[in-house]
């Protein structure tokens, strides 16, 4: 199994309750974005911060030097793996009028 997949699994297991709750909010947001926007953005902000922390852990030693480009690709794969579960994660913080 790839390191980025292991990190996604570790992240969701260590924050199981938070991610389970966010999954429900995320699914409701996907069905009715206007109604769920406020709670999705509020709760999603916390979730995205945790995701960024795990991304930093994954890429920490590769960001400089010869592996800088590899780190960028690894980060992209990490977020793509997250998007498989939370396709609307990029909408956290977006305001729909």
N, C-alpha and C. Protein backbone atom coordinates (compact mmCIF):
# COMPACT_ATOMS: atom_id res chain seq x y z
N UNK A 1 0.85 -1.18 0.00
CA UNK A 1 0.00 0.00 0.00
C UNK A 1 0.90 1.24 0.00
N UNK A 2 0.49 2.25 -0.74
CA UNK A 2 1.26 3.49 -0.84
C UNK A 2 1.20 4.28 0.46
N UNK A 3 2.24 5.08 0.67
CA UNK A 3 2.34 5.87 1.90
C UNK A 3 1.18 6.86 2.04
N UNK A 4 0.78 7.50 0.96
CA UNK A 4 -0.31 8.48 1.05
C UNK A 4 -1.62 7.80 1.44
N UNK A 5 -1.84 6.57 0.96
CA UNK A 5 -3.05 5.84 1.34
C UNK A 5 -3.01 5.45 2.81
N UNK A 6 -1.83 5.04 3.26
CA UNK A 6 -1.66 4.71 4.68
C UNK A 6 -1.93 5.92 5.55
N UNK A 7 -1.46 7.09 5.09
CA UNK A 7 -1.66 8.31 5.88
C UNK A 7 -3.13 8.70 5.93
N UNK A 8 -3.85 8.52 4.84
CA UNK A 8 -5.30 8.82 4.83
C UNK A 8 -6.03 7.89 5.79
N UNK A 9 -5.68 6.61 5.77
CA UNK A 9 -6.30 5.65 6.68
C UNK A 9 -5.99 5.99 8.13
N UNK A 10 -4.72 6.30 8.40
CA UNK A 10 -4.31 6.67 9.76
C UNK A 10 -5.08 7.91 10.23
N UNK A 11 -5.19 8.91 9.36
CA UNK A 11 -5.88 10.16 9.68
C UNK A 11 -7.34 9.89 10.04
N UNK A 12 -8.01 9.08 9.24
CA UNK A 12 -9.43 8.83 9.51
C UNK A 12 -9.64 7.95 10.73
N UNK A 13 -8.72 7.03 10.98
CA UNK A 13 -8.84 6.18 12.18
C UNK A 13 -8.57 6.95 13.46
N UNK A 14 -7.58 7.84 13.43
CA UNK A 14 -7.24 8.61 14.63
C UNK A 14 -8.27 9.69 14.94
N UNK A 15 -9.07 10.06 13.96
CA UNK A 15 -10.11 11.08 14.14
C UNK A 15 -11.45 10.54 13.68
N UNK A 16 -11.73 9.30 14.04
CA UNK A 16 -12.89 8.59 13.53
C UNK A 16 -14.22 9.32 13.77
N UNK A 17 -14.45 9.75 14.96
CA UNK A 17 -15.73 10.41 15.27
C UNK A 17 -15.90 11.69 14.46
N UNK A 18 -14.85 12.49 14.38
CA UNK A 18 -14.90 13.74 13.63
C UNK A 18 -15.20 13.47 12.15
N UNK A 19 -14.51 12.50 11.57
CA UNK A 19 -14.71 12.20 10.15
C UNK A 19 -16.06 11.53 9.88
N UNK A 20 -16.54 10.73 10.81
CA UNK A 20 -17.88 10.14 10.66
C UNK A 20 -18.95 11.23 10.66
N UNK A 21 -18.82 12.18 11.58
CA UNK A 21 -19.78 13.29 11.63
C UNK A 21 -19.68 14.15 10.37
N UNK A 22 -18.46 14.41 9.94
CA UNK A 22 -18.28 15.23 8.73
C UNK A 22 -18.84 14.52 7.50
N UNK A 23 -18.73 13.21 7.46
CA UNK A 23 -19.25 12.45 6.33
C UNK A 23 -20.76 12.69 6.17
N UNK A 24 -21.49 12.67 7.28
CA UNK A 24 -22.92 12.93 7.23
C UNK A 24 -23.21 14.35 6.75
N UNK A 25 -22.48 15.32 7.29
CA UNK A 25 -22.66 16.72 6.88
C UNK A 25 -22.30 16.88 5.41
N UNK A 26 -21.21 16.27 5.00
CA UNK A 26 -20.75 16.34 3.60
C UNK A 26 -21.83 15.80 2.65
N UNK A 27 -22.41 14.66 3.00
CA UNK A 27 -23.43 14.06 2.15
C UNK A 27 -24.68 14.94 2.06
N UNK A 28 -25.07 15.53 3.17
CA UNK A 28 -26.22 16.45 3.17
C UNK A 28 -25.90 17.70 2.34
N UNK A 29 -24.69 18.19 2.47
CA UNK A 29 -24.25 19.37 1.69
C UNK A 29 -24.30 19.06 0.20
N UNK A 30 -23.89 17.87 -0.20
CA UNK A 30 -23.90 17.49 -1.61
C UNK A 30 -25.32 17.52 -2.17
N UNK A 31 -26.31 17.21 -1.34
CA UNK A 31 -27.71 17.20 -1.78
C UNK A 31 -28.34 18.58 -1.77
N UNK A 32 -27.99 19.41 -0.78
CA UNK A 32 -28.58 20.75 -0.64
C UNK A 32 -27.54 21.73 -0.12
N UNK A 33 -26.67 22.23 -1.02
CA UNK A 33 -25.56 23.09 -0.59
C UNK A 33 -25.99 24.37 0.13
N UNK A 34 -27.04 24.99 -0.31
CA UNK A 34 -27.46 26.26 0.30
C UNK A 34 -27.88 26.05 1.74
N UNK A 35 -28.67 25.02 2.00
CA UNK A 35 -29.17 24.75 3.34
C UNK A 35 -28.04 24.35 4.30
N UNK A 36 -27.07 23.59 3.83
CA UNK A 36 -26.02 23.03 4.69
C UNK A 36 -24.71 23.80 4.65
N UNK A 37 -24.67 24.87 3.89
CA UNK A 37 -23.42 25.61 3.69
C UNK A 37 -22.75 26.07 4.98
N UNK A 38 -23.49 26.66 5.87
CA UNK A 38 -22.91 27.22 7.09
C UNK A 38 -22.25 26.15 7.96
N UNK A 39 -22.97 25.08 8.24
CA UNK A 39 -22.43 24.02 9.09
C UNK A 39 -21.31 23.27 8.36
N UNK A 40 -21.44 23.10 7.04
CA UNK A 40 -20.40 22.44 6.25
C UNK A 40 -19.09 23.24 6.32
N UNK A 41 -19.18 24.54 6.17
CA UNK A 41 -17.98 25.38 6.23
C UNK A 41 -17.39 25.42 7.63
N UNK A 42 -18.25 25.47 8.62
CA UNK A 42 -17.78 25.52 10.01
C UNK A 42 -17.07 24.23 10.40
N UNK A 43 -17.74 23.14 10.21
CA UNK A 43 -17.20 21.82 10.57
C UNK A 43 -16.06 21.44 9.62
N UNK A 44 -16.24 21.78 8.36
CA UNK A 44 -15.23 21.46 7.35
C UNK A 44 -13.92 22.16 7.58
N UNK A 45 -13.95 23.37 8.15
CA UNK A 45 -12.71 24.09 8.43
C UNK A 45 -11.82 23.31 9.38
N UNK A 46 -12.41 22.73 10.40
CA UNK A 46 -11.67 21.91 11.36
C UNK A 46 -11.12 20.65 10.68
N UNK A 47 -11.93 20.03 9.85
CA UNK A 47 -11.53 18.81 9.16
C UNK A 47 -10.37 19.09 8.20
N UNK A 48 -10.46 20.17 7.46
CA UNK A 48 -9.41 20.52 6.50
C UNK A 48 -8.10 20.81 7.22
N UNK A 49 -8.15 21.44 8.38
CA UNK A 49 -6.93 21.68 9.15
C UNK A 49 -6.26 20.37 9.54
N UNK A 50 -7.04 19.39 9.94
CA UNK A 50 -6.49 18.07 10.28
C UNK A 50 -5.89 17.43 9.03
N UNK A 51 -6.57 17.54 7.91
CA UNK A 51 -6.05 16.99 6.66
C UNK A 51 -4.72 17.64 6.28
N UNK A 52 -4.64 18.94 6.45
CA UNK A 52 -3.38 19.65 6.14
C UNK A 52 -2.25 19.22 7.08
N UNK A 53 -2.57 18.98 8.33
CA UNK A 53 -1.57 18.51 9.28
C UNK A 53 -1.01 17.15 8.86
N UNK A 54 -1.87 16.25 8.45
CA UNK A 54 -1.41 14.94 8.01
C UNK A 54 -0.66 15.04 6.68
N UNK A 55 -1.07 15.95 5.84
CA UNK A 55 -0.33 16.20 4.59
C UNK A 55 1.08 16.67 4.90
N UNK A 56 1.21 17.58 5.87
CA UNK A 56 2.55 18.06 6.27
C UNK A 56 3.40 16.93 6.82
N UNK A 57 2.80 16.07 7.62
CA UNK A 57 3.54 14.92 8.15
C UNK A 57 4.04 14.03 7.02
N UNK A 58 3.20 13.81 6.05
CA UNK A 58 3.54 12.94 4.93
C UNK A 58 4.68 13.51 4.09
N UNK A 59 4.65 14.81 3.87
CA UNK A 59 5.60 15.45 2.95
C UNK A 59 6.73 16.18 3.64
N UNK A 60 6.80 16.16 4.95
CA UNK A 60 7.73 16.99 5.72
C UNK A 60 9.18 16.89 5.27
N UNK A 61 9.68 15.71 5.10
CA UNK A 61 11.09 15.57 4.79
C UNK A 61 11.42 15.67 3.31
N UNK A 62 10.41 15.83 2.50
CA UNK A 62 10.65 15.84 1.05
C UNK A 62 10.50 17.22 0.43
N UNK A 63 10.05 18.19 1.18
CA UNK A 63 9.71 19.49 0.60
C UNK A 63 10.91 20.24 0.04
N UNK A 64 12.09 19.99 0.55
CA UNK A 64 13.27 20.71 0.07
C UNK A 64 14.21 19.74 -0.64
N UNK A 65 15.11 20.31 -1.38
CA UNK A 65 16.14 19.50 -2.01
C UNK A 65 15.66 18.76 -3.24
N UNK A 66 16.28 17.63 -3.47
CA UNK A 66 16.06 16.86 -4.69
C UNK A 66 14.63 16.32 -4.79
N UNK A 67 13.97 16.10 -3.65
CA UNK A 67 12.66 15.47 -3.66
C UNK A 67 11.50 16.46 -3.63
N UNK A 68 11.76 17.73 -3.89
CA UNK A 68 10.71 18.74 -3.86
C UNK A 68 9.59 18.45 -4.82
N UNK A 69 9.91 18.05 -6.02
CA UNK A 69 8.88 17.74 -7.02
C UNK A 69 8.11 16.48 -6.61
N UNK A 70 8.78 15.50 -6.08
CA UNK A 70 8.13 14.29 -5.60
C UNK A 70 7.14 14.62 -4.49
N UNK A 71 7.52 15.53 -3.61
CA UNK A 71 6.65 15.95 -2.52
C UNK A 71 5.35 16.55 -3.04
N UNK A 72 5.46 17.35 -4.09
CA UNK A 72 4.27 17.96 -4.68
C UNK A 72 3.35 16.88 -5.25
N UNK A 73 3.92 15.90 -5.93
CA UNK A 73 3.12 14.80 -6.49
C UNK A 73 2.49 13.97 -5.38
N UNK A 74 3.23 13.73 -4.32
CA UNK A 74 2.72 12.97 -3.19
C UNK A 74 1.55 13.70 -2.53
N UNK A 75 1.69 14.99 -2.38
CA UNK A 75 0.62 15.81 -1.81
C UNK A 75 -0.63 15.72 -2.68
N UNK A 76 -0.46 15.80 -3.99
CA UNK A 76 -1.60 15.72 -4.91
C UNK A 76 -2.29 14.37 -4.79
N UNK A 77 -1.52 13.29 -4.69
CA UNK A 77 -2.10 11.95 -4.55
C UNK A 77 -2.85 11.82 -3.23
N UNK A 78 -2.30 12.42 -2.17
CA UNK A 78 -2.95 12.42 -0.86
C UNK A 78 -4.33 13.07 -0.96
N UNK A 79 -4.40 14.26 -1.57
CA UNK A 79 -5.67 14.97 -1.70
C UNK A 79 -6.62 14.25 -2.64
N UNK A 80 -6.10 13.63 -3.69
CA UNK A 80 -6.96 12.86 -4.59
C UNK A 80 -7.60 11.68 -3.85
N UNK A 81 -6.84 11.08 -2.96
CA UNK A 81 -7.37 9.97 -2.15
C UNK A 81 -8.48 10.47 -1.22
N UNK A 82 -8.29 11.64 -0.64
CA UNK A 82 -9.33 12.24 0.22
C UNK A 82 -10.58 12.54 -0.59
N UNK A 83 -10.39 13.04 -1.82
CA UNK A 83 -11.54 13.40 -2.66
C UNK A 83 -12.37 12.18 -3.06
N UNK A 84 -11.80 10.99 -2.99
CA UNK A 84 -12.59 9.79 -3.27
C UNK A 84 -13.69 9.61 -2.23
N UNK A 85 -13.39 9.99 -0.99
CA UNK A 85 -14.36 9.88 0.10
C UNK A 85 -15.19 11.15 0.25
N UNK A 86 -14.52 12.30 0.09
CA UNK A 86 -15.17 13.61 0.26
C UNK A 86 -15.02 14.44 -1.01
N UNK A 87 -15.81 14.16 -2.05
CA UNK A 87 -15.64 14.88 -3.31
C UNK A 87 -15.87 16.39 -3.22
N UNK A 88 -16.60 16.84 -2.22
CA UNK A 88 -16.89 18.27 -2.07
C UNK A 88 -15.93 18.98 -1.11
N UNK A 89 -14.83 18.35 -0.72
CA UNK A 89 -13.92 18.92 0.27
C UNK A 89 -13.35 20.26 -0.21
N UNK A 90 -13.20 20.43 -1.50
CA UNK A 90 -12.67 21.69 -2.03
C UNK A 90 -13.65 22.85 -1.87
N UNK A 91 -14.88 22.57 -1.52
CA UNK A 91 -15.89 23.61 -1.35
C UNK A 91 -15.96 24.14 0.08
N UNK A 92 -15.15 23.62 0.97
CA UNK A 92 -15.13 24.14 2.35
C UNK A 92 -14.65 25.59 2.30
N UNK A 93 -15.45 26.47 2.86
CA UNK A 93 -15.12 27.88 2.88
C UNK A 93 -15.75 28.69 1.75
N UNK A 94 -16.32 28.00 0.77
CA UNK A 94 -16.95 28.68 -0.36
C UNK A 94 -18.35 29.13 0.03
N UNK A 95 -18.71 30.32 -0.37
CA UNK A 95 -20.03 30.87 -0.08
C UNK A 95 -20.88 30.81 -1.33
N UNK A 96 -22.03 30.18 -1.24
CA UNK A 96 -22.97 30.09 -2.35
C UNK A 96 -24.09 31.08 -2.10
N UNK A 97 -24.33 31.90 -3.09
CA UNK A 97 -25.39 32.92 -2.89
C UNK A 97 -26.67 32.51 -3.57
